[in-house]
Amino acid sequence: MTTITPLYRKLYHDGALNDRLNQALGLLKKCELCPRECNVDRLSGETGFCHTGRKARIAGFHAHYGEEAPLVGRHGSGTIFISHCNLLCTFCQNFEISHLGEGREIEPENLAVMMLKLQEAGCHNINFVTPTHIVPQIIEGLLIAIEHGFNIPLVYNSGGYDKVETLKLLDGIIDIYMPDFKFWDSKWSAEFCNAEDYKDVAVEAIKEMHRQVGDLEISNDGIATKGLLVRHLVMPNGIADTEKIMTFLATEISPHTYVNVMDQYHPCGYAMENSMINRRISPTEYQIALHAAGEAGLTRLDSHIRALRMP
C-alpha cells in the first residue's frame, strides 16, 4: 500500500498551522469567510447566511462508499457532513442538512475524535462536505487530531462558492479539492442559489484550488493523494450550461482535470415548485453533457457515480 504524507504535516511541524488558525478566526469577527460577507460577529455567536456561529454543527460522519473511486478505494472515504451551507441551492439533495440544519453543535475536540475514528476505521481520507463556512473550526480540529496521530489526506468538498482569500489560508492544508461547478449563467445561479456572482466566484476559486494542488494524482493502488477533482451535476433543460463549464475546465484549468459528470439529479427541496427543474434529466440530456466534456478536450471523466453527498 502506498504511504501518503498529507500536506498539512509540514505546516504543523513548522508551527505555521497555528498562524493559519489565528488568521482564519480573525475572519469570523466580522465574518467575511465566504463571498456572502455577512459581517456578523460569529465569534460572539451571531449568525449570517450560513446560520452558523462560533461552533461547527455536524450532521454525521461515516465511511462513505458512494464517492468517486479514487476517494473510496477499499475502505471508504471518511465523510463528515457539515450542517448548513453558504449556498443553499433550492434543489439541494441534502436539504435537511443544508437548509434545516439537521445535526448538533460540537467542540474542536469532538471534530478531532471524528477524524481519528475514521482514520482508525481505515478510511483513505477525511472528506469535509460543505466546509466553506467552517474553515477555522476545521483547522482547530485538525491541530488537535494531529497531536493524536492523525495522518491521512483532507478533502475539501464544496459547492464551489469559495472566496480566494480564504482558500489561500488552506494552501498546504488541503490535499484534495473537490468543488462543484453548478451554473455558468448568472440568471440560474441567482434564481436557484441566490448567488448571481456564482460563476465568477467559482472560476476564480477553482483556479486557486488548482494552483495549490494541481491535477489529481492517483497512487499505484488507485487512491487519490493530492489534486483537483471537479463535480458537475447535469441539470434539466440545459440550465447548467455544461458545454461552457467543460470548455473552461479544459482550457483555463487543465485538459487533465478529473471531472465527474453526474447524472443523478432528482427534484429535492423546493425543486418541484419550478417547471425548469421539477424532473430528472433524460438519457439524451446526459449523453449531450458527456459529449460536451469530450469535445472540450477533457481526458479524465468519471461518469458512473450514482451518489451525490448523501449520508
Protein backbone atom coordinates (compact mmCIF):
# COMPACT_ATOMS: atom_id res chain seq x y z
CA MET A 1 0.00 0.00 0.00
CA THR A 2 1.23 3.49 -0.86
CA THR A 3 2.25 5.65 2.09
CA ILE A 4 0.84 9.17 1.78
CA THR A 5 2.26 12.18 3.60
CA PRO A 6 -0.50 14.81 3.82
CA LEU A 7 0.34 18.42 3.00
CA TYR A 8 -0.57 19.75 6.45
CA ARG A 9 2.20 17.81 8.20
CA LYS A 10 4.84 20.31 7.07
CA LEU A 11 2.84 23.32 8.25
CA TYR A 12 2.28 21.62 11.59
CA HIS A 13 5.96 20.87 12.14
CA ASP A 14 6.93 24.39 11.08
CA GLY A 15 4.47 25.87 13.57
CA ALA A 16 2.62 27.67 10.78
CA LEU A 17 -0.69 25.86 11.30
CA ASN A 18 -1.40 27.90 14.44
CA ASP A 19 -0.79 31.09 12.46
CA ARG A 20 -3.30 29.98 9.83
CA LEU A 21 -5.85 29.26 12.55
CA ASN A 22 -5.47 32.73 14.03
CA GLN A 23 -5.89 34.33 10.62
CA ALA A 24 -8.99 32.24 9.91
CA LEU A 25 -10.56 33.01 13.28
CA GLY A 26 -9.96 36.70 12.61
CA LEU A 27 -12.28 36.46 9.60
CA LEU A 28 -15.15 35.46 11.91
CA LYS A 29 -15.15 38.70 13.93
CA LYS A 30 -16.98 40.49 11.11
CA CYS A 31 -17.48 37.41 9.04
CA GLU A 32 -16.04 37.62 5.55
CA LEU A 33 -15.11 33.97 5.29
CA CYS A 34 -17.13 33.40 2.11
CA PRO A 35 -18.42 35.58 -0.76
CA ARG A 36 -21.60 36.41 1.21
CA GLU A 37 -19.52 38.65 3.54
CA CYS A 38 -22.31 38.90 6.12
CA ASN A 39 -20.09 40.91 8.53
CA VAL A 40 -21.67 39.37 11.64
CA ASP A 41 -19.63 38.62 14.75
CA ARG A 42 -19.59 34.84 14.67
CA LEU A 43 -17.01 34.73 17.47
CA SER A 44 -19.78 36.05 19.73
CA GLY A 45 -22.33 33.59 18.36
CA GLU A 46 -24.02 35.84 15.80
CA THR A 47 -25.10 34.13 12.59
CA GLY A 48 -25.49 35.20 8.99
CA PHE A 49 -26.49 33.44 5.78
CA CYS A 50 -24.99 30.10 6.85
CA HIS A 51 -26.79 30.11 10.25
CA THR A 52 -23.53 29.08 11.94
CA GLY A 53 -21.96 30.94 14.84
CA ARG A 54 -18.71 30.18 16.65
CA LYS A 55 -19.19 26.41 16.77
CA ALA A 56 -19.41 23.99 13.87
CA ARG A 57 -22.55 21.91 13.55
CA ILE A 58 -22.18 18.32 12.29
CA ALA A 59 -24.94 16.10 10.90
CA GLY A 60 -22.98 12.85 10.91
CA PHE A 61 -19.83 11.02 9.88
CA HIS A 62 -19.01 7.62 8.47
CA ALA A 63 -17.03 5.71 5.86
CA HIS A 64 -18.69 6.59 2.54
CA TYR A 65 -18.56 4.19 -0.42
CA GLY A 66 -20.64 6.25 -2.85
CA GLU A 67 -17.99 8.84 -3.70
CA GLU A 68 -15.58 8.80 -6.65
CA ALA A 69 -13.49 5.61 -6.90
CA PRO A 70 -10.11 7.28 -6.17
CA LEU A 71 -11.52 8.58 -2.89
CA VAL A 72 -13.29 5.39 -1.85
CA GLY A 73 -10.65 2.71 -2.50
CA ARG A 74 -11.22 -0.41 -0.41
CA HIS A 75 -12.06 1.21 2.92
CA GLY A 76 -14.16 4.24 2.03
CA SER A 77 -13.90 7.99 2.19
CA GLY A 78 -14.17 9.28 5.77
CA THR A 79 -17.03 11.68 5.21
CA ILE A 80 -18.06 14.36 7.72
CA PHE A 81 -21.38 16.02 6.87
CA ILE A 82 -21.42 19.66 7.95
CA SER A 83 -24.77 21.23 8.77
CA HIS A 84 -25.91 24.38 6.98
CA CYS A 85 -24.30 25.84 3.87
CA ASN A 86 -23.22 29.14 2.33
CA LEU A 87 -25.02 28.42 -0.96
CA LEU A 88 -28.41 26.85 -0.12
CA CYS A 89 -29.47 25.65 -3.58
CA THR A 90 -33.24 25.35 -3.74
CA PHE A 91 -32.88 21.81 -5.16
CA CYS A 92 -30.31 20.58 -2.62
CA GLN A 93 -30.04 16.80 -2.42
CA ASN A 94 -29.20 17.14 1.30
CA PHE A 95 -31.97 19.60 2.09
CA GLU A 96 -32.47 18.50 5.71
CA ILE A 97 -28.79 19.08 6.47
CA SER A 98 -28.14 22.24 4.47
CA HIS A 99 -31.42 24.14 4.83
CA LEU A 100 -32.91 22.73 8.03
CA GLY A 101 -29.62 22.42 9.91
CA GLU A 102 -30.01 18.81 10.98
CA GLY A 103 -27.14 17.96 13.32
CA ARG A 104 -25.55 19.14 16.56
CA GLU A 105 -23.01 21.75 17.60
CA ILE A 106 -19.61 20.35 18.51
CA GLU A 107 -16.34 21.41 20.07
CA PRO A 108 -13.00 21.18 18.19
CA GLU A 109 -12.15 18.12 20.29
CA ASN A 110 -15.27 16.36 19.00
CA LEU A 111 -14.27 17.04 15.39
CA ALA A 112 -10.79 15.69 16.09
CA VAL A 113 -12.29 12.50 17.54
CA MET A 114 -14.43 12.02 14.41
CA MET A 115 -11.36 12.39 12.20
CA LEU A 116 -9.35 9.94 14.30
CA LYS A 117 -12.17 7.38 14.38
CA LEU A 118 -12.48 7.48 10.60
CA GLN A 119 -8.72 7.05 10.27
CA GLU A 120 -8.81 4.10 12.67
CA ALA A 121 -11.59 2.56 10.53
CA GLY A 122 -9.15 2.52 7.60
CA CYS A 123 -10.67 5.38 5.59
CA HIS A 124 -8.33 6.75 2.93
CA ASN A 125 -9.12 10.42 3.61
CA ILE A 126 -11.31 12.81 5.56
CA ASN A 127 -13.97 14.28 3.30
CA PHE A 128 -15.48 17.53 4.62
CA VAL A 129 -18.84 18.06 2.91
CA THR A 130 -19.80 21.76 2.54
CA PRO A 131 -16.84 23.08 4.59
CA THR A 132 -16.78 26.67 3.27
CA HIS A 133 -18.40 28.27 6.31
CA ILE A 134 -16.36 26.41 8.97
CA VAL A 135 -12.77 26.69 7.72
CA PRO A 136 -11.45 27.97 11.09
CA GLN A 137 -13.20 25.19 13.00
CA ILE A 138 -11.71 22.58 10.67
CA ILE A 139 -8.20 23.89 11.34
CA GLU A 140 -8.92 23.85 15.09
CA GLY A 141 -9.96 20.21 14.94
CA LEU A 142 -7.05 19.30 12.69
CA LEU A 143 -4.49 20.68 15.16
CA ILE A 144 -5.89 18.50 17.93
CA ALA A 145 -6.15 15.44 15.70
CA ILE A 146 -2.53 15.72 14.56
CA GLU A 147 -1.39 15.72 18.18
CA HIS A 148 -3.06 12.31 18.50
CA GLY A 149 -1.58 10.74 15.38
CA PHE A 150 -3.85 11.89 12.58
CA ASN A 151 -2.11 11.41 9.24
CA ILE A 152 -4.45 10.97 6.26
CA PRO A 153 -5.33 13.41 3.43
CA LEU A 154 -8.03 16.06 3.71
CA VAL A 155 -10.71 16.55 1.05
CA TYR A 156 -12.44 19.93 0.69
CA ASN A 157 -15.83 19.01 -0.82
CA SER A 158 -17.56 22.33 -1.53
CA GLY A 159 -20.26 23.89 -3.67
CA GLY A 160 -17.64 25.97 -5.48
CA TYR A 161 -18.79 29.23 -3.89
CA ASP A 162 -15.48 29.86 -2.14
CA LYS A 163 -13.54 33.04 -1.52
CA VAL A 164 -9.97 33.03 -2.86
CA GLU A 165 -8.63 34.80 0.24
CA THR A 166 -9.99 32.01 2.46
CA LEU A 167 -8.71 29.31 0.15
CA LYS A 168 -5.22 30.81 0.44
CA LEU A 169 -5.36 30.13 4.17
CA LEU A 170 -5.83 26.46 3.26
CA ASP A 171 -2.79 26.33 0.98
CA GLY A 172 -0.67 23.48 2.30
CA ILE A 173 -3.52 22.16 4.48
CA ILE A 174 -5.96 20.67 1.98
CA ASP A 175 -4.69 17.78 -0.12
CA ILE A 176 -7.66 17.27 -2.43
CA TYR A 177 -10.10 19.95 -3.55
CA MET A 178 -13.46 18.68 -4.81
CA PRO A 179 -15.66 21.65 -5.77
CA ASP A 180 -18.89 21.62 -7.69
CA PHE A 181 -19.24 23.82 -10.73
CA LYS A 182 -23.01 24.19 -10.85
CA PHE A 183 -24.02 27.02 -13.19
CA TRP A 184 -22.47 29.27 -15.82
CA ASP A 185 -25.40 31.64 -16.41
CA SER A 186 -25.96 34.14 -13.59
CA LYS A 187 -29.70 34.03 -14.26
CA TRP A 188 -29.93 30.47 -12.97
CA SER A 189 -27.46 30.80 -10.10
CA ALA A 190 -29.40 33.84 -8.91
CA GLU A 191 -32.71 32.01 -9.14
CA PHE A 192 -31.66 28.71 -7.60
CA CYS A 193 -28.77 29.69 -5.28
CA ASN A 194 -29.36 33.39 -4.59
CA ALA A 195 -25.85 33.92 -5.94
CA GLU A 196 -25.78 35.96 -9.13
CA ASP A 197 -21.97 36.02 -8.98
CA TYR A 198 -21.64 32.23 -8.66
CA LYS A 199 -19.87 31.67 -11.97
CA ASP A 200 -17.33 34.42 -11.43
CA VAL A 201 -16.61 33.21 -7.90
CA ALA A 202 -16.33 29.55 -8.92
CA VAL A 203 -13.98 30.36 -11.80
CA GLU A 204 -11.53 32.15 -9.51
CA ALA A 205 -11.92 29.60 -6.73
CA ILE A 206 -11.18 26.64 -8.98
CA LYS A 207 -8.17 28.42 -10.45
CA GLU A 208 -6.82 28.93 -6.93
CA MET A 209 -7.52 25.34 -5.94
CA HIS A 210 -5.66 24.07 -9.00
CA ARG A 211 -2.77 26.43 -8.32
CA GLN A 212 -2.38 24.90 -4.90
CA VAL A 213 -2.69 21.19 -5.66
CA GLY A 214 -2.58 20.69 -9.46
CA ASP A 215 -4.23 17.87 -11.37
CA LEU A 216 -5.49 14.88 -9.39
CA GLU A 217 -2.70 12.45 -8.51
CA ILE A 218 -3.60 8.81 -8.01
CA SER A 219 -1.31 6.21 -6.41
CA ASN A 220 -0.46 2.83 -7.91
CA ASP A 221 -3.18 1.25 -5.78
CA GLY A 222 -5.80 3.64 -7.16
CA ILE A 223 -6.09 6.09 -4.26
CA ALA A 224 -6.19 9.86 -4.77
CA THR A 225 -3.32 11.51 -2.90
CA LYS A 226 -3.46 15.15 -4.00
CA GLY A 227 -5.06 17.40 -6.58
CA LEU A 228 -8.28 18.80 -8.00
CA LEU A 229 -11.45 16.84 -8.74
CA VAL A 230 -14.42 18.80 -10.13
CA ARG A 231 -18.04 17.69 -9.93
CA HIS A 232 -20.70 18.87 -12.34
CA LEU A 233 -24.35 17.95 -11.91
CA VAL A 234 -26.20 17.84 -15.22
CA MET A 235 -29.47 19.75 -14.85
CA PRO A 236 -32.77 19.53 -16.76
CA ASN A 237 -33.29 21.78 -19.79
CA GLY A 238 -29.58 22.50 -20.13
CA ILE A 239 -29.65 25.21 -17.47
CA ALA A 240 -26.22 24.27 -16.06
CA ASP A 241 -24.55 25.21 -19.38
CA THR A 242 -22.39 22.10 -19.25
CA GLU A 243 -20.59 22.87 -22.51
CA LYS A 244 -19.30 26.23 -21.26
CA ILE A 245 -18.18 24.78 -17.93
CA MET A 246 -16.35 21.91 -19.61
CA THR A 247 -14.63 24.29 -22.01
CA PHE A 248 -13.48 26.45 -19.10
CA LEU A 249 -12.06 23.46 -17.25
CA ALA A 250 -10.25 22.13 -20.32
CA THR A 251 -8.80 25.43 -21.49
CA GLU A 252 -8.29 27.52 -18.35
CA ILE A 253 -7.57 24.84 -15.75
CA SER A 254 -6.18 21.72 -17.47
CA PRO A 255 -7.32 19.17 -20.07
CA HIS A 256 -6.30 16.59 -17.46
CA THR A 257 -8.76 17.90 -14.87
CA TYR A 258 -10.53 14.95 -13.27
CA VAL A 259 -14.24 15.69 -13.80
CA ASN A 260 -17.24 13.76 -12.55
CA VAL A 261 -20.17 14.47 -14.90
CA MET A 262 -23.09 13.41 -12.72
CA ASP A 263 -26.46 12.15 -13.92
CA GLN A 264 -28.24 11.71 -10.58
CA TYR A 265 -30.19 14.96 -10.39
CA HIS A 266 -33.67 14.47 -8.96
CA PRO A 267 -36.07 17.09 -7.62
CA CYS A 268 -35.47 17.80 -3.92
CA GLY A 269 -36.19 20.69 -1.60
CA TYR A 270 -38.21 23.32 -3.46
CA ALA A 271 -37.46 21.94 -6.93
CA MET A 272 -40.97 20.68 -7.58
CA GLU A 273 -42.17 24.28 -7.46
CA ASN A 274 -40.21 25.24 -10.58
CA SER A 275 -41.01 23.79 -14.02
CA MET A 276 -37.39 24.13 -15.16
CA ILE A 277 -36.06 21.68 -12.57
CA ASN A 278 -39.05 19.60 -11.43
CA ARG A 279 -37.96 16.41 -13.23
CA ARG A 280 -34.98 14.12 -13.62
CA ILE A 281 -32.72 14.57 -16.63
CA SER A 282 -33.25 12.36 -19.68
CA PRO A 283 -30.67 9.89 -21.05
CA THR A 284 -30.30 12.18 -24.05
CA GLU A 285 -29.52 15.20 -21.87
CA TYR A 286 -26.85 13.20 -20.09
CA GLN A 287 -25.28 11.96 -23.29
CA ILE A 288 -25.16 15.53 -24.63
CA ALA A 289 -23.31 16.55 -21.46
CA LEU A 290 -20.77 13.74 -21.80
CA HIS A 291 -20.24 14.63 -25.45
CA ALA A 292 -19.63 18.26 -24.47
CA ALA A 293 -16.95 17.19 -21.99
CA GLY A 294 -15.20 15.08 -24.60
CA GLU A 295 -15.45 17.77 -27.26
CA ALA A 296 -13.93 20.29 -24.86
CA GLY A 297 -10.83 18.11 -24.69
CA LEU A 298 -11.13 16.75 -21.14
CA THR A 299 -9.33 13.43 -20.84
CA ARG A 300 -10.28 12.23 -17.34
CA LEU A 301 -14.03 11.77 -16.97
CA ASP A 302 -15.75 9.90 -14.18
CA SER A 303 -19.33 9.44 -15.31
CA HIS A 304 -20.53 6.42 -13.36
CA ILE A 305 -21.04 7.72 -9.82
CA ARG A 306 -24.60 7.50 -8.57
CA ALA A 307 -24.32 9.11 -5.09
CA LEU A 308 -24.29 12.86 -4.52
CA ARG A 309 -23.38 13.87 -0.95
CA MET A 310 -25.87 11.52 0.57
CA PRO A 311 -25.13 10.49 4.17
